[in-house]
Amino acid sequence: SILTDVPEPDVAPVESKPLTVESGGTWHPAFAAEPPPSL
């Protein structure tokens, strides 16, 4: 009876972006805060 009263979460799907390297040797701004997964 408790689970029936809990509403389902509304989670929007997050679009995954591949890790790319721009010309000039700088990381993409979307992943600037995260370390590169591969050298």
Full PDB file with SEQRES, HELIX, SHEET, SSBOND, CRYST1, ORIGX, SCALE, CONECT and MASTER records, all heavy atoms in Angstrom:
SEQRES   1 A   39  SER ILE LEU THR ASP VAL PRO GLU PRO ASP VAL ALA PRO          
SEQRES   2 A   39  VAL GLU SER LYS PRO LEU THR VAL GLU SER GLY GLY THR          
SEQRES   3 A   39  TRP HIS PRO ALA PHE ALA ALA GLU PRO PRO PRO SER LEU          
HELIX    1 AA1 ILE A    2  ASP A    5  1                                   4    
HELIX    2 AA2 PRO A   29  PHE A   31  5                                   3    
CRYST1    1.000    1.000    1.000  90.00  90.00  90.00 P 1           1          
ORIGX1      1.000000  0.000000  0.000000        0.00000                         
ORIGX2      0.000000  1.000000  0.000000        0.00000                         
ORIGX3      0.000000  0.000000  1.000000        0.00000                         
SCALE1      1.000000  0.000000  0.000000        0.00000                         
SCALE2      0.000000  1.000000  0.000000        0.00000                         
SCALE3      0.000000  0.000000  1.000000        0.00000                         
ATOM      1  N   SER A   1       0.815  -1.199   0.000  1.00  0.00           N  
ATOM      2  CA  SER A   1       0.000   0.000   0.000  1.00  0.00           C  
ATOM      3  C   SER A   1       0.857   1.261   0.000  1.00  0.00           C  
ATOM      4  O   SER A   1       0.457   2.297  -0.527  1.00  0.00           O  
ATOM      5  CB  SER A   1      -0.932  -0.030   1.212  1.00  0.00           C  
ATOM      6  OG  SER A   1      -0.152  -0.057   2.403  1.00  0.00           O  
ATOM      7  N   ILE A   2       2.043   1.185   0.576  1.00  0.00           N  
ATOM      8  CA  ILE A   2       2.936   2.355   0.591  1.00  0.00           C  
ATOM      9  C   ILE A   2       3.489   2.627  -0.797  1.00  0.00           C  
ATOM     10  O   ILE A   2       3.583   3.771  -1.248  1.00  0.00           O  
ATOM     11  CB  ILE A   2       4.069   2.142   1.607  1.00  0.00           C  
ATOM     12  CG1 ILE A   2       3.511   2.030   3.023  1.00  0.00           C  
ATOM     13  CG2 ILE A   2       5.088   3.263   1.528  1.00  0.00           C  
ATOM     14  CD1 ILE A   2       4.533   1.695   4.075  1.00  0.00           C  
ATOM     15  N   LEU A   3       3.916   1.587  -1.547  1.00  0.00           N  
ATOM     16  CA  LEU A   3       4.499   1.783  -2.873  1.00  0.00           C  
ATOM     17  C   LEU A   3       3.505   2.297  -3.861  1.00  0.00           C  
ATOM     18  O   LEU A   3       3.853   2.948  -4.843  1.00  0.00           O  
ATOM     19  CB  LEU A   3       5.112   0.473  -3.367  1.00  0.00           C  
ATOM     20  CG  LEU A   3       6.354  -0.025  -2.601  1.00  0.00           C  
ATOM     21  CD1 LEU A   3       6.828  -1.357  -3.151  1.00  0.00           C  
ATOM     22  CD2 LEU A   3       7.471   0.989  -2.660  1.00  0.00           C  
ATOM     23  N   THR A   4       2.247   1.984  -3.650  1.00  0.00           N  
ATOM     24  CA  THR A   4       1.223   2.445  -4.599  1.00  0.00           C  
ATOM     25  C   THR A   4       1.040   3.939  -4.510  1.00  0.00           C  
ATOM     26  O   THR A   4       0.641   4.586  -5.480  1.00  0.00           O  
ATOM     27  CB  THR A   4      -0.109   1.721  -4.337  1.00  0.00           C  
ATOM     28  OG1 THR A   4      -0.474   1.924  -2.976  1.00  0.00           O  
ATOM     29  CG2 THR A   4       0.020   0.246  -4.630  1.00  0.00           C  
ATOM     30  N   ASP A   5       1.292   4.546  -3.359  1.00  0.00           N  
ATOM     31  CA  ASP A   5       1.104   5.987  -3.209  1.00  0.00           C  
ATOM     32  C   ASP A   5       2.312   6.810  -3.701  1.00  0.00           C  
ATOM     33  O   ASP A   5       2.224   8.031  -3.841  1.00  0.00           O  
ATOM     34  CB  ASP A   5       0.852   6.314  -1.736  1.00  0.00           C  
ATOM     35  CG  ASP A   5      -0.445   5.676  -1.221  1.00  0.00           C  
ATOM     36  OD1 ASP A   5      -1.283   5.398  -2.091  1.00  0.00           O  
ATOM     37  OD2 ASP A   5      -0.537   5.466  -0.007  1.00  0.00           O  
ATOM     38  N   VAL A   6       3.470   6.181  -3.950  1.00  0.00           N  
ATOM     39  CA  VAL A   6       4.671   6.917  -4.403  1.00  0.00           C  
ATOM     40  C   VAL A   6       4.577   7.164  -5.898  1.00  0.00           C  
ATOM     41  O   VAL A   6       4.374   6.204  -6.673  1.00  0.00           O  
ATOM     42  CB  VAL A   6       5.949   6.129  -4.080  1.00  0.00           C  
ATOM     43  CG1 VAL A   6       7.160   6.857  -4.617  1.00  0.00           C  
ATOM     44  CG2 VAL A   6       6.059   5.934  -2.591  1.00  0.00           C  
ATOM     45  N   PRO A   7       4.675   8.450  -6.359  1.00  0.00           N  
ATOM     46  CA  PRO A   7       4.609   8.706  -7.810  1.00  0.00           C  
ATOM     47  C   PRO A   7       5.901   8.270  -8.506  1.00  0.00           C  
ATOM     48  O   PRO A   7       6.989   8.242  -7.924  1.00  0.00           O  
ATOM     49  CB  PRO A   7       4.416  10.207  -7.859  1.00  0.00           C  
ATOM     50  CG  PRO A   7       5.045  10.729  -6.624  1.00  0.00           C  
ATOM     51  CD  PRO A   7       4.812   9.689  -5.573  1.00  0.00           C  
ATOM     52  N   GLU A   8       5.801   7.941  -9.759  1.00  0.00           N  
ATOM     53  CA  GLU A   8       6.978   7.523 -10.548  1.00  0.00           C  
ATOM     54  C   GLU A   8       7.838   8.735 -10.865  1.00  0.00           C  
ATOM     55  O   GLU A   8       7.310   9.815 -11.134  1.00  0.00           O  
ATOM     56  CB  GLU A   8       6.526   6.852 -11.835  1.00  0.00           C  
ATOM     57  CG  GLU A   8       5.761   5.547 -11.609  1.00  0.00           C  
ATOM     58  CD  GLU A   8       5.344   4.905 -12.906  1.00  0.00           C  
ATOM     59  OE1 GLU A   8       5.662   5.500 -13.985  1.00  0.00           O  
ATOM     60  OE2 GLU A   8       4.750   3.820 -12.859  1.00  0.00           O  
ATOM     61  N   PRO A   9       9.143   8.609 -10.849  1.00  0.00           N  
ATOM     62  CA  PRO A   9      10.034   9.739 -11.143  1.00  0.00           C  
ATOM     63  C   PRO A   9       9.979  10.129 -12.608  1.00  0.00           C  
ATOM     64  O   PRO A   9       9.884   9.257 -13.482  1.00  0.00           O  
ATOM     65  CB  PRO A   9      11.415   9.236 -10.746  1.00  0.00           C  
ATOM     66  CG  PRO A   9      11.318   7.763 -10.863  1.00  0.00           C  
ATOM     67  CD  PRO A   9       9.901   7.383 -10.505  1.00  0.00           C  
ATOM     68  N   ASP A  10       9.997  11.444 -12.824  1.00  0.00           N  
ATOM     69  CA  ASP A  10       9.992  11.958 -14.202  1.00  0.00           C  
ATOM     70  C   ASP A  10      11.429  12.354 -14.568  1.00  0.00           C  
ATOM     71  O   ASP A  10      11.906  13.448 -14.262  1.00  0.00           O  
ATOM     72  CB  ASP A  10       9.055  13.163 -14.285  1.00  0.00           C  
ATOM     73  CG  ASP A  10       8.891  13.656 -15.719  1.00  0.00           C  
ATOM     74  OD1 ASP A  10       9.397  12.949 -16.642  1.00  0.00           O  
ATOM     75  OD2 ASP A  10       8.338  14.745 -15.918  1.00  0.00           O  
ATOM     76  N   VAL A  11      12.162  11.448 -15.171  1.00  0.00           N  
ATOM     77  CA  VAL A  11      13.594  11.651 -15.522  1.00  0.00           C  
ATOM     78  C   VAL A  11      13.704  11.776 -17.020  1.00  0.00           C  
ATOM     79  O   VAL A  11      13.293  10.847 -17.748  1.00  0.00           O  
ATOM     80  CB  VAL A  11      14.473  10.510 -15.008  1.00  0.00           C  
ATOM     81  CG1 VAL A  11      15.927  10.755 -15.397  1.00  0.00           C  
ATOM     82  CG2 VAL A  11      14.338  10.365 -13.503  1.00  0.00           C  
ATOM     83  N   ALA A  12      14.195  12.905 -17.493  1.00  0.00           N  
ATOM     84  CA  ALA A  12      14.397  13.098 -18.938  1.00  0.00           C  
ATOM     85  C   ALA A  12      15.688  12.425 -19.383  1.00  0.00           C  
ATOM     86  O   ALA A  12      16.695  12.478 -18.685  1.00  0.00           O  
ATOM     87  CB  ALA A  12      14.439  14.590 -19.244  1.00  0.00           C  
ATOM     88  N   PRO A  13      15.633  11.797 -20.508  1.00  0.00           N  
ATOM     89  CA  PRO A  13      16.880  11.128 -20.985  1.00  0.00           C  
ATOM     90  C   PRO A  13      17.981  12.146 -21.324  1.00  0.00           C  
ATOM     91  O   PRO A  13      17.704  13.190 -21.927  1.00  0.00           O  
ATOM     92  CB  PRO A  13      16.412  10.361 -22.203  1.00  0.00           C  
ATOM     93  CG  PRO A  13      15.199  11.084 -22.680  1.00  0.00           C  
ATOM     94  CD  PRO A  13      14.517  11.639 -21.459  1.00  0.00           C  
ATOM     95  N   VAL A  14      19.183  11.852 -20.910  1.00  0.00           N  
ATOM     96  CA  VAL A  14      20.339  12.749 -21.151  1.00  0.00           C  
ATOM     97  C   VAL A  14      21.075  12.305 -22.401  1.00  0.00           C  
ATOM     98  O   VAL A  14      21.414  11.113 -22.535  1.00  0.00           O  
ATOM     99  CB  VAL A  14      21.311  12.744 -19.953  1.00  0.00           C  
ATOM    100  CG1 VAL A  14      22.502  13.663 -20.233  1.00  0.00           C  
ATOM    101  CG2 VAL A  14      20.567  13.173 -18.703  1.00  0.00           C  
ATOM    102  N   GLU A  15      21.258  13.234 -23.281  1.00  0.00           N  
ATOM    103  CA  GLU A  15      21.938  12.907 -24.555  1.00  0.00           C  
ATOM    104  C   GLU A  15      23.449  12.772 -24.289  1.00  0.00           C  
ATOM    105  O   GLU A  15      24.087  13.674 -23.750  1.00  0.00           O  
ATOM    106  CB  GLU A  15      21.691  14.038 -25.560  1.00  0.00           C  
ATOM    107  CG  GLU A  15      22.316  13.737 -26.922  1.00  0.00           C  
ATOM    108  CD  GLU A  15      22.052  14.883 -27.898  1.00  0.00           C  
ATOM    109  OE1 GLU A  15      21.370  15.852 -27.504  1.00  0.00           O  
ATOM    110  OE2 GLU A  15      22.535  14.797 -29.040  1.00  0.00           O  
ATOM    111  N   SER A  16      23.955  11.648 -24.631  1.00  0.00           N  
ATOM    112  CA  SER A  16      25.399  11.400 -24.428  1.00  0.00           C  
ATOM    113  C   SER A  16      26.188  11.929 -25.620  1.00  0.00           C  
ATOM    114  O   SER A  16      25.833  11.671 -26.767  1.00  0.00           O  
ATOM    115  CB  SER A  16      25.687   9.905 -24.257  1.00  0.00           C  
ATOM    116  OG  SER A  16      25.280   9.206 -25.412  1.00  0.00           O  
ATOM    117  N   LYS A  17      27.243  12.652 -25.312  1.00  0.00           N  
ATOM    118  CA  LYS A  17      28.105  13.219 -26.367  1.00  0.00           C  
ATOM    119  C   LYS A  17      29.454  12.515 -26.348  1.00  0.00           C  
ATOM    120  O   LYS A  17      30.049  12.325 -25.304  1.00  0.00           O  
ATOM    121  CB  LYS A  17      28.306  14.715 -26.138  1.00  0.00           C  
ATOM    122  CG  LYS A  17      26.998  15.513 -26.235  1.00  0.00           C  
ATOM    123  CD  LYS A  17      27.271  16.993 -26.012  1.00  0.00           C  
ATOM    124  CE  LYS A  17      25.990  17.803 -26.117  1.00  0.00           C  
ATOM    125  NZ  LYS A  17      26.246  19.247 -25.923  1.00  0.00           N  
ATOM    126  N   PRO A  18      29.929  12.129 -27.525  1.00  0.00           N  
ATOM    127  CA  PRO A  18      31.250  11.453 -27.545  1.00  0.00           C  
ATOM    128  C   PRO A  18      32.376  12.428 -27.232  1.00  0.00           C  
ATOM    129  O   PRO A  18      32.258  13.639 -27.432  1.00  0.00           O  
ATOM    130  CB  PRO A  18      31.354  10.921 -28.973  1.00  0.00           C  
ATOM    131  CG  PRO A  18      30.501  11.861 -29.783  1.00  0.00           C  
ATOM    132  CD  PRO A  18      29.349  12.251 -28.882  1.00  0.00           C  
ATOM    133  N   LEU A  19      33.444  11.868 -26.715  1.00  0.00           N  
ATOM    134  CA  LEU A  19      34.618  12.673 -26.368  1.00  0.00           C  
ATOM    135  C   LEU A  19      35.403  12.977 -27.630  1.00  0.00           C  
ATOM    136  O   LEU A  19      35.881  12.075 -28.327  1.00  0.00           O  
ATOM    137  CB  LEU A  19      35.519  11.911 -25.378  1.00  0.00           C  
ATOM    138  CG  LEU A  19      36.763  12.632 -24.908  1.00  0.00           C  
ATOM    139  CD1 LEU A  19      36.383  13.881 -24.123  1.00  0.00           C  
ATOM    140  CD2 LEU A  19      37.601  11.699 -24.049  1.00  0.00           C  
ATOM    141  N   THR A  20      35.484  14.220 -27.950  1.00  0.00           N  
ATOM    142  CA  THR A  20      36.202  14.630 -29.166  1.00  0.00           C  
ATOM    143  C   THR A  20      37.267  15.643 -28.797  1.00  0.00           C  
ATOM    144  O   THR A  20      37.200  16.320 -27.780  1.00  0.00           O  
ATOM    145  CB  THR A  20      35.245  15.246 -30.195  1.00  0.00           C  
ATOM    146  OG1 THR A  20      34.609  16.369 -29.603  1.00  0.00           O  
ATOM    147  CG2 THR A  20      34.222  14.230 -30.652  1.00  0.00           C  
ATOM    148  N   VAL A  21      38.257  15.764 -29.691  1.00  0.00           N  
ATOM    149  CA  VAL A  21      39.374  16.715 -29.518  1.00  0.00           C  
ATOM    150  C   VAL A  21      39.351  17.654 -30.683  1.00  0.00           C  
ATOM    151  O   VAL A  21      39.374  17.228 -31.846  1.00  0.00           O  
ATOM    152  CB  VAL A  21      40.720  15.988 -29.423  1.00  0.00           C  
ATOM    153  CG1 VAL A  21      41.852  17.002 -29.242  1.00  0.00           C  
ATOM    154  CG2 VAL A  21      40.686  15.010 -28.271  1.00  0.00           C  
ATOM    155  N   GLU A  22      39.239  18.919 -30.413  1.00  0.00           N  
ATOM    156  CA  GLU A  22      39.237  19.900 -31.477  1.00  0.00           C  
ATOM    157  C   GLU A  22      40.658  20.137 -31.984  1.00  0.00           C  
ATOM    158  O   GLU A  22      41.643  19.854 -31.331  1.00  0.00           O  
ATOM    159  CB  GLU A  22      38.649  21.217 -30.952  1.00  0.00           C  
ATOM    160  CG  GLU A  22      37.191  21.098 -30.526  1.00  0.00           C  
ATOM    161  CD  GLU A  22      36.660  22.427 -30.028  1.00  0.00           C  
ATOM    162  OE1 GLU A  22      37.478  23.389 -30.009  1.00  0.00           O  
ATOM    163  OE2 GLU A  22      35.474  22.497 -29.679  1.00  0.00           O  
ATOM    164  N   SER A  23      40.733  20.645 -33.206  1.00  0.00           N  
ATOM    165  CA  SER A  23      42.047  20.986 -33.764  1.00  0.00           C  
ATOM    166  C   SER A  23      42.649  22.152 -32.987  1.00  0.00           C  
ATOM    167  O   SER A  23      41.972  23.121 -32.692  1.00  0.00           O  
ATOM    168  CB  SER A  23      41.903  21.366 -35.243  1.00  0.00           C  
ATOM    169  OG  SER A  23      41.055  22.483 -35.383  1.00  0.00           O  
ATOM    170  N   GLY A  24      43.871  22.049 -32.699  1.00  0.00           N  
ATOM    171  CA  GLY A  24      44.522  23.067 -31.879  1.00  0.00           C  
ATOM    172  C   GLY A  24      44.917  22.561 -30.533  1.00  0.00           C  
ATOM    173  O   GLY A  24      45.621  23.223 -29.787  1.00  0.00           O  
ATOM    174  N   GLY A  25      44.466  21.317 -30.150  1.00  0.00           N  
ATOM    175  CA  GLY A  25      44.942  20.701 -28.920  1.00  0.00           C  
ATOM    176  C   GLY A  25      44.173  21.113 -27.705  1.00  0.00           C  
ATOM    177  O   GLY A  25      44.718  21.024 -26.605  1.00  0.00           O  
ATOM    178  N   THR A  26      42.898  21.521 -27.760  1.00  0.00           N  
ATOM    179  CA  THR A  26      42.101  21.876 -26.578  1.00  0.00           C  
ATOM    180  C   THR A  26      40.930  20.944 -26.471  1.00  0.00           C  
ATOM    181  O   THR A  26      40.388  20.458 -27.485  1.00  0.00           O  
ATOM    182  CB  THR A  26      41.589  23.319 -26.682  1.00  0.00           C  
ATOM    183  OG1 THR A  26      40.819  23.464 -27.865  1.00  0.00           O  
ATOM    184  CG2 THR A  26      42.755  24.306 -26.725  1.00  0.00           C  
ATOM    185  N   TRP A  27      40.546  20.655 -25.212  1.00  0.00           N  
ATOM    186  CA  TRP A  27      39.404  19.763 -24.991  1.00  0.00           C  
ATOM    187  C   TRP A  27      38.077  20.501 -25.230  1.00  0.00           C  
ATOM    188  O   TRP A  27      38.003  21.722 -25.205  1.00  0.00           O  
ATOM    189  CB  TRP A  27      39.433  19.224 -23.568  1.00  0.00           C  
ATOM    190  CG  TRP A  27      40.591  18.316 -23.299  1.00  0.00           C  
ATOM    191  CD1 TRP A  27      41.757  18.636 -22.689  1.00  0.00           C  
ATOM    192  CD2 TRP A  27      40.689  16.954 -23.678  1.00  0.00           C  
ATOM    193  NE1 TRP A  27      42.604  17.579 -22.633  1.00  0.00           N  
ATOM    194  CE2 TRP A  27      41.958  16.503 -23.245  1.00  0.00           C  
ATOM    195  CE3 TRP A  27      39.840  16.054 -24.319  1.00  0.00           C  
ATOM    196  CZ2 TRP A  27      42.400  15.210 -23.438  1.00  0.00           C  
ATOM    197  CZ3 TRP A  27      40.271  14.771 -24.501  1.00  0.00           C  
ATOM    198  CH2 TRP A  27      41.549  14.347 -24.084  1.00  0.00           C  
ATOM    199  N   HIS A  28      37.066  19.697 -25.498  1.00  0.00           N  
ATOM    200  CA  HIS A  28      35.729  20.262 -25.742  1.00  0.00           C  
ATOM    201  C   HIS A  28      35.247  20.954 -24.478  1.00  0.00           C  
ATOM    202  O   HIS A  28      35.447  20.461 -23.376  1.00  0.00           O  
ATOM    203  CB  HIS A  28      34.757  19.144 -26.156  1.00  0.00           C  
ATOM    204  CG  HIS A  28      33.500  19.689 -26.785  1.00  0.00           C  
ATOM    205  ND1 HIS A  28      32.436  20.092 -26.038  1.00  0.00           N  
ATOM    206  CD2 HIS A  28      33.185  19.887 -28.082  1.00  0.00           C  
ATOM    207  CE1 HIS A  28      31.479  20.510 -26.841  1.00  0.00           C  
ATOM    208  NE2 HIS A  28      31.904  20.393 -28.109  1.00  0.00           N  
ATOM    209  N   PRO A  29      34.563  22.105 -24.592  1.00  0.00           N  
ATOM    210  CA  PRO A  29      34.117  22.819 -23.388  1.00  0.00           C  
ATOM    211  C   PRO A  29      33.200  22.004 -22.515  1.00  0.00           C  
ATOM    212  O   PRO A  29      33.192  22.161 -21.297  1.00  0.00           O  
ATOM    213  CB  PRO A  29      33.409  24.048 -23.957  1.00  0.00           C  
ATOM    214  CG  PRO A  29      34.008  24.243 -25.302  1.00  0.00           C  
ATOM    215  CD  PRO A  29      34.333  22.877 -25.816  1.00  0.00           C  
ATOM    216  N   ALA A  30      32.429  21.113 -23.097  1.00  0.00           N  
ATOM    217  CA  ALA A  30      31.490  20.328 -22.291  1.00  0.00           C  
ATOM    218  C   ALA A  30      32.221  19.404 -21.348  1.00  0.00           C  
ATOM    219  O   ALA A  30      31.673  18.998 -20.327  1.00  0.00           O  
ATOM    220  CB  ALA A  30      30.563  19.540 -23.199  1.00  0.00           C  
ATOM    221  N   PHE A  31      33.466  19.033 -21.666  1.00  0.00           N  
ATOM    222  CA  PHE A  31      34.225  18.087 -20.834  1.00  0.00           C  
ATOM    223  C   PHE A  31      35.499  18.723 -20.305  1.00  0.00           C  
ATOM    224  O   PHE A  31      36.454  18.041 -20.014  1.00  0.00           O  
ATOM    225  CB  PHE A  31      34.581  16.843 -21.644  1.00  0.00           C  
ATOM    226  CG  PHE A  31      33.388  16.134 -22.231  1.00  0.00           C  
ATOM    227  CD1 PHE A  31      32.960  16.420 -23.509  1.00  0.00           C  
ATOM    228  CD2 PHE A  31      32.677  15.216 -21.469  1.00  0.00           C  
ATOM    229  CE1 PHE A  31      31.859  15.776 -24.043  1.00  0.00           C  
ATOM    230  CE2 PHE A  31      31.581  14.563 -22.006  1.00  0.00           C  
ATOM    231  CZ  PHE A  31      31.157  14.838 -23.297  1.00  0.00           C  
ATOM    232  N   ALA A  32      35.493  20.062 -20.213  1.00  0.00           N  
ATOM    233  CA  ALA A  32      36.709  20.727 -19.758  1.00  0.00           C  
ATOM    234  C   ALA A  32      36.975  20.473 -18.290  1.00  0.00           C  
ATOM    235  O   ALA A  32      38.112  20.446 -17.845  1.00  0.00           O  
ATOM    236  CB  ALA A  32      36.599  22.231 -20.000  1.00  0.00           C  
ATOM    237  N   ALA A  33      35.910  20.277 -17.499  1.00  0.00           N  
ATOM    238  CA  ALA A  33      36.100  20.062 -16.068  1.00  0.00           C  
ATOM    239  C   ALA A  33      36.506  18.655 -15.740  1.00  0.00           C  
ATOM    240  O   ALA A  33      36.938  18.379 -14.636  1.00  0.00           O  
ATOM    241  CB  ALA A  33      34.825  20.434 -15.311  1.00  0.00           C  
ATOM    242  N   GLU A  34      36.290  17.731 -16.640  1.00  0.00           N  
ATOM    243  CA  GLU A  34      36.607  16.336 -16.377  1.00  0.00           C  
ATOM    244  C   GLU A  34      37.941  15.994 -17.015  1.00  0.00           C  
ATOM    245  O   GLU A  34      38.270  16.472 -18.097  1.00  0.00           O  
ATOM    246  CB  GLU A  34      35.503  15.433 -16.941  1.00  0.00           C  
ATOM    247  CG  GLU A  34      34.142  15.694 -16.297  1.00  0.00           C  
ATOM    248  CD  GLU A  34      33.080  14.788 -16.895  1.00  0.00           C  
ATOM    249  OE1 GLU A  34      33.466  13.986 -17.780  1.00  0.00           O  
ATOM    250  OE2 GLU A  34      31.929  14.889 -16.494  1.00  0.00           O  
ATOM    251  N   PRO A  35      38.720  15.105 -16.407  1.00  0.00           N  
ATOM    252  CA  PRO A  35      39.993  14.705 -17.014  1.00  0.00           C  
ATOM    253  C   PRO A  35      39.743  13.841 -18.231  1.00  0.00           C  
ATOM    254  O   PRO A  35      38.734  13.161 -18.323  1.00  0.00           O  
ATOM    255  CB  PRO A  35      40.695  13.925 -15.891  1.00  0.00           C  
ATOM    256  CG  PRO A  35      39.579  13.427 -15.049  1.00  0.00           C  
ATOM    257  CD  PRO A  35      38.497  14.470 -15.101  1.00  0.00           C  
ATOM    258  N   PRO A  36      40.645  13.867 -19.192  1.00  0.00           N  
ATOM    259  CA  PRO A  36      40.453  13.040 -20.396  1.00  0.00           C  
ATOM    260  C   PRO A  36      40.543  11.570 -20.047  1.00  0.00           C  
ATOM    261  O   PRO A  36      41.396  11.151 -19.262  1.00  0.00           O  
ATOM    262  CB  PRO A  36      41.604  13.482 -21.301  1.00  0.00           C  
ATOM    263  CG  PRO A  36      42.635  13.996 -20.378  1.00  0.00           C  
ATOM    264  CD  PRO A  36      41.889  14.621 -19.215  1.00  0.00           C  
ATOM    265  N   PRO A  37      39.675  10.769 -20.591  1.00  0.00           N  
ATOM    266  CA  PRO A  37      39.727   9.338 -20.298  1.00  0.00           C  
ATOM    267  C   PRO A  37      40.913   8.648 -20.923  1.00  0.00           C  
ATOM    268  O   PRO A  37      41.340   7.605 -20.469  1.00  0.00           O  
ATOM    269  CB  PRO A  37      38.411   8.825 -20.876  1.00  0.00           C  
ATOM    270  CG  PRO A  37      38.080   9.779 -21.974  1.00  0.00           C  
ATOM    271  CD  PRO A  37      38.576  11.129 -21.523  1.00  0.00           C  
ATOM    272  N   SER A  38      41.508   9.210 -21.990  1.00  0.00           N  
ATOM    273  CA  SER A  38      42.624   8.566 -22.665  1.00  0.00           C  
ATOM    274  C   SER A  38      43.569   9.628 -23.174  1.00  0.00           C  
ATOM    275  O   SER A  38      43.137  10.717 -23.556  1.00  0.00           O  
ATOM    276  CB  SER A  38      42.127   7.691 -23.819  1.00  0.00           C  
ATOM    277  OG  SER A  38      43.214   7.142 -24.518  1.00  0.00           O  
ATOM    278  N   LEU A  39      44.849   9.337 -23.147  1.00  0.00           N  
ATOM    279  CA  LEU A  39      45.845  10.298 -23.617  1.00  0.00           C  
ATOM    280  C   LEU A  39      45.967  10.303 -25.123  1.00  0.00           C  
ATOM    281  O   LEU A  39      46.357  11.297 -25.716  1.00  0.00           O  
ATOM    282  CB  LEU A  39      47.226   9.981 -23.003  1.00  0.00           C  
ATOM    283  CG  LEU A  39      47.275  10.026 -21.479  1.00  0.00           C  
ATOM    284  CD1 LEU A  39      48.684   9.693 -21.014  1.00  0.00           C  
ATOM    285  CD2 LEU A  39      46.834  11.383 -20.969  1.00  0.00           C  
TER     286      LEU A  39                                                      
MASTER        0    0    0    2    0    0    0    6  285    1    0    3          
END                                                                             
